[in-house]
């Protein structure tokens, strides 16, 4: 029911998805069921990545890309390093790390 609701509603908002379940349960009950399910749910990213590669039929000799971007929202800094697999000119993010600071290196600057 979750996958059908997800395809129909086209959102990951659990409140909206819970309205599509139907049946005898109230939408609030469906919402609580979804919250409990995802609270204890752990994604296996390796399995998901393999499924995507198999589904898209990406050839085995991969071209990898590396990218880093820093976003600043107020006093919050989001520094993301990604490794992607390039397929038909598009880099699909494969691995990513959230860095806790600005910049791309932990090395001390030479001019200090």
C-alpha atoms as a PDB file:
ATOM      1  CA  UNK A   1       0.000   0.000   0.000  1.00  0.00           C
ATOM      2  CA  UNK A   2       2.877   2.342   0.762  1.00  0.00           C
ATOM      3  CA  UNK A   3       4.446   1.980  -2.702  1.00  0.00           C
ATOM      4  CA  UNK A   4       1.110   2.459  -4.454  1.00  0.00           C
ATOM      5  CA  UNK A   5       0.387   5.581  -2.393  1.00  0.00           C
ATOM      6  CA  UNK A   6       3.900   6.883  -3.098  1.00  0.00           C
ATOM      7  CA  UNK A   7       3.437   6.463  -6.855  1.00  0.00           C
ATOM      8  CA  UNK A   8      -0.013   8.033  -6.785  1.00  0.00           C
ATOM      9  CA  UNK A   9       0.671  10.997  -4.473  1.00  0.00           C
ATOM     10  CA  UNK A  10       4.283  11.587  -5.660  1.00  0.00           C
ATOM     11  CA  UNK A  11       5.457  12.859  -2.290  1.00  0.00           C
ATOM     12  CA  UNK A  12       7.273  11.434   0.706  1.00  0.00           C
ATOM     13  CA  UNK A  13       5.126  13.394   3.151  1.00  0.00           C
ATOM     14  CA  UNK A  14       3.785  10.704   5.496  1.00  0.00           C
ATOM     15  CA  UNK A  15       0.692  12.746   6.386  1.00  0.00           C
ATOM     16  CA  UNK A  16      -0.346  12.889   2.739  1.00  0.00           C
ATOM     17  CA  UNK A  17       0.556   9.254   2.063  1.00  0.00           C
ATOM     18  CA  UNK A  18      -1.512   8.068   5.017  1.00  0.00           C
ATOM     19  CA  UNK A  19      -4.643   9.566   3.408  1.00  0.00           C
ATOM     20  CA  UNK A  20      -4.323   7.171   0.444  1.00  0.00           C
ATOM     21  CA  UNK A  21      -4.235   3.904   2.380  1.00  0.00           C
ATOM     22  CA  UNK A  22      -7.995   3.534   2.612  1.00  0.00           C
ATOM     23  CA  UNK A  23      -9.396   0.631   4.627  1.00  0.00           C
ATOM     24  CA  UNK A  24     -11.020   0.905   8.037  1.00  0.00           C
ATOM     25  CA  UNK A  25      -8.122   2.595   9.857  1.00  0.00           C
ATOM     26  CA  UNK A  26      -8.148   6.343  10.324  1.00  0.00           C
ATOM     27  CA  UNK A  27      -5.524   8.366   8.440  1.00  0.00           C
ATOM     28  CA  UNK A  28      -3.983   9.321  11.821  1.00  0.00           C
ATOM     29  CA  UNK A  29      -3.520   5.616  12.607  1.00  0.00           C
ATOM     30  CA  UNK A  30      -1.950   4.997   9.201  1.00  0.00           C
ATOM     31  CA  UNK A  31       0.369   7.946   9.817  1.00  0.00           C
ATOM     32  CA  UNK A  32       1.495   6.495  13.157  1.00  0.00           C
ATOM     33  CA  UNK A  33       2.096   3.090  11.517  1.00  0.00           C
ATOM     34  CA  UNK A  34       4.290   4.744   8.876  1.00  0.00           C
ATOM     35  CA  UNK A  35       6.227   6.671  11.538  1.00  0.00           C
ATOM     36  CA  UNK A  36       6.880   3.503  13.549  1.00  0.00           C
ATOM     37  CA  UNK A  37       7.953   1.625  10.430  1.00  0.00           C
ATOM     38  CA  UNK A  38      10.475   4.261   9.351  1.00  0.00           C
ATOM     39  CA  UNK A  39      11.749   4.870  12.885  1.00  0.00           C
ATOM     40  CA  UNK A  40      13.172   1.331  12.990  1.00  0.00           C
ATOM     41  CA  UNK A  41      13.976   1.086   9.272  1.00  0.00           C
ATOM     42  CA  UNK A  42      17.611   1.144   8.198  1.00  0.00           C
ATOM     43  CA  UNK A  43      18.428   1.518   4.502  1.00  0.00           C
ATOM     44  CA  UNK A  44      21.140  -0.697   3.036  1.00  0.00           C
ATOM     45  CA  UNK A  45      22.704   1.773   0.609  1.00  0.00           C
ATOM     46  CA  UNK A  46      24.929  -0.871  -1.000  1.00  0.00           C
ATOM     47  CA  UNK A  47      21.861  -2.912  -1.995  1.00  0.00           C
ATOM     48  CA  UNK A  48      20.089   0.196  -3.299  1.00  0.00           C
ATOM     49  CA  UNK A  49      23.146   1.249  -5.322  1.00  0.00           C
ATOM     50  CA  UNK A  50      23.481  -2.220  -6.860  1.00  0.00           C
ATOM     51  CA  UNK A  51      19.781  -2.247  -7.759  1.00  0.00           C
ATOM     52  CA  UNK A  52      20.095   1.136  -9.473  1.00  0.00           C
ATOM     53  CA  UNK A  53      23.170   0.057 -11.457  1.00  0.00           C
ATOM     54  CA  UNK A  54      21.418  -3.169 -12.523  1.00  0.00           C
ATOM     55  CA  UNK A  55      18.193  -1.340 -13.375  1.00  0.00           C
ATOM     56  CA  UNK A  56      19.970   1.336 -15.451  1.00  0.00           C
ATOM     57  CA  UNK A  57      22.307  -1.215 -17.069  1.00  0.00           C
ATOM     58  CA  UNK A  58      25.400   0.873 -16.342  1.00  0.00           C
ATOM     59  CA  UNK A  59      28.446  -0.891 -17.842  1.00  0.00           C
ATOM     60  CA  UNK A  60      31.064  -2.235 -15.413  1.00  0.00           C
ATOM     61  CA  UNK A  61      33.973   0.021 -16.430  1.00  0.00           C
ATOM     62  CA  UNK A  62      32.705   3.039 -14.516  1.00  0.00           C
ATOM     63  CA  UNK A  63      33.785   6.601 -14.966  1.00  0.00           C
ATOM     64  CA  UNK A  64      33.819   8.231 -11.528  1.00  0.00           C
ATOM     65  CA  UNK A  65      33.337  11.877 -10.692  1.00  0.00           C
ATOM     66  CA  UNK A  66      34.287  13.774  -7.556  1.00  0.00           C
ATOM     67  CA  UNK A  67      32.544  16.943  -6.483  1.00  0.00           C
ATOM     68  CA  UNK A  68      32.425  19.137  -3.412  1.00  0.00           C
ATOM     69  CA  UNK A  69      29.971  21.913  -2.686  1.00  0.00           C
ATOM     70  CA  UNK A  70      29.533  24.222   0.269  1.00  0.00           C
ATOM     71  CA  UNK A  71      26.212  25.855   1.100  1.00  0.00           C
ATOM     72  CA  UNK A  72      25.803  28.442   3.802  1.00  0.00           C
ATOM     73  CA  UNK A  73      22.397  29.112   5.344  1.00  0.00           C
ATOM     74  CA  UNK A  74      22.763  31.728   8.059  1.00  0.00           C
ATOM     75  CA  UNK A  75      25.368  30.422  10.475  1.00  0.00           C
ATOM     76  CA  UNK A  76      25.049  26.809   9.237  1.00  0.00           C
ATOM     77  CA  UNK A  77      27.644  25.431   6.821  1.00  0.00           C
ATOM     78  CA  UNK A  78      26.864  22.390   4.679  1.00  0.00           C
ATOM     79  CA  UNK A  79      29.997  21.050   2.995  1.00  0.00           C
ATOM     80  CA  UNK A  80      29.232  17.936   0.928  1.00  0.00           C
ATOM     81  CA  UNK A  81      31.795  15.731  -0.809  1.00  0.00           C
ATOM     82  CA  UNK A  82      30.333  13.316  -3.368  1.00  0.00           C
ATOM     83  CA  UNK A  83      31.610  10.494  -5.538  1.00  0.00           C
ATOM     84  CA  UNK A  84      29.424   9.718  -8.527  1.00  0.00           C
ATOM     85  CA  UNK A  85      29.196   7.225 -11.375  1.00  0.00           C
ATOM     86  CA  UNK A  86      28.976   8.943 -14.755  1.00  0.00           C
ATOM     87  CA  UNK A  87      26.403   7.427 -17.094  1.00  0.00           C
ATOM     88  CA  UNK A  88      25.381   9.004 -20.407  1.00  0.00           C
ATOM     89  CA  UNK A  89      26.865  12.342 -19.376  1.00  0.00           C
ATOM     90  CA  UNK A  90      25.154  12.507 -15.975  1.00  0.00           C
ATOM     91  CA  UNK A  91      26.919  11.896 -12.661  1.00  0.00           C
ATOM     92  CA  UNK A  92      24.760   9.803 -10.343  1.00  0.00           C
ATOM     93  CA  UNK A  93      25.736  10.387  -6.691  1.00  0.00           C
ATOM     94  CA  UNK A  94      27.082   7.134  -5.271  1.00  0.00           C
ATOM     95  CA  UNK A  95      28.729   8.083  -1.987  1.00  0.00           C
ATOM     96  CA  UNK A  96      28.627  11.312  -0.033  1.00  0.00           C
ATOM     97  CA  UNK A  97      30.068  12.722   3.144  1.00  0.00           C
ATOM     98  CA  UNK A  98      28.942  15.725   5.141  1.00  0.00           C
ATOM     99  CA  UNK A  99      31.982  17.712   6.238  1.00  0.00           C
ATOM    100  CA  UNK A 100      31.732  19.771   9.415  1.00  0.00           C
ATOM    101  CA  UNK A 101      33.624  22.809   8.162  1.00  0.00           C
ATOM    102  CA  UNK A 102      34.366  25.022   5.188  1.00  0.00           C
ATOM    103  CA  UNK A 103      37.067  24.033   2.709  1.00  0.00           C
ATOM    104  CA  UNK A 104      38.247  20.823   1.161  1.00  0.00           C
ATOM    105  CA  UNK A 105      41.234  19.850   3.281  1.00  0.00           C
ATOM    106  CA  UNK A 106      42.247  19.162   6.870  1.00  0.00           C
ATOM    107  CA  UNK A 107      45.804  20.320   6.132  1.00  0.00           C
ATOM    108  CA  UNK A 108      47.111  23.498   7.735  1.00  0.00           C
ATOM    109  CA  UNK A 109      47.541  26.366   5.233  1.00  0.00           C
ATOM    110  CA  UNK A 110      51.164  26.961   4.182  1.00  0.00           C
ATOM    111  CA  UNK A 111      51.011  30.673   5.026  1.00  0.00           C
ATOM    112  CA  UNK A 112      50.226  30.251   8.757  1.00  0.00           C
END
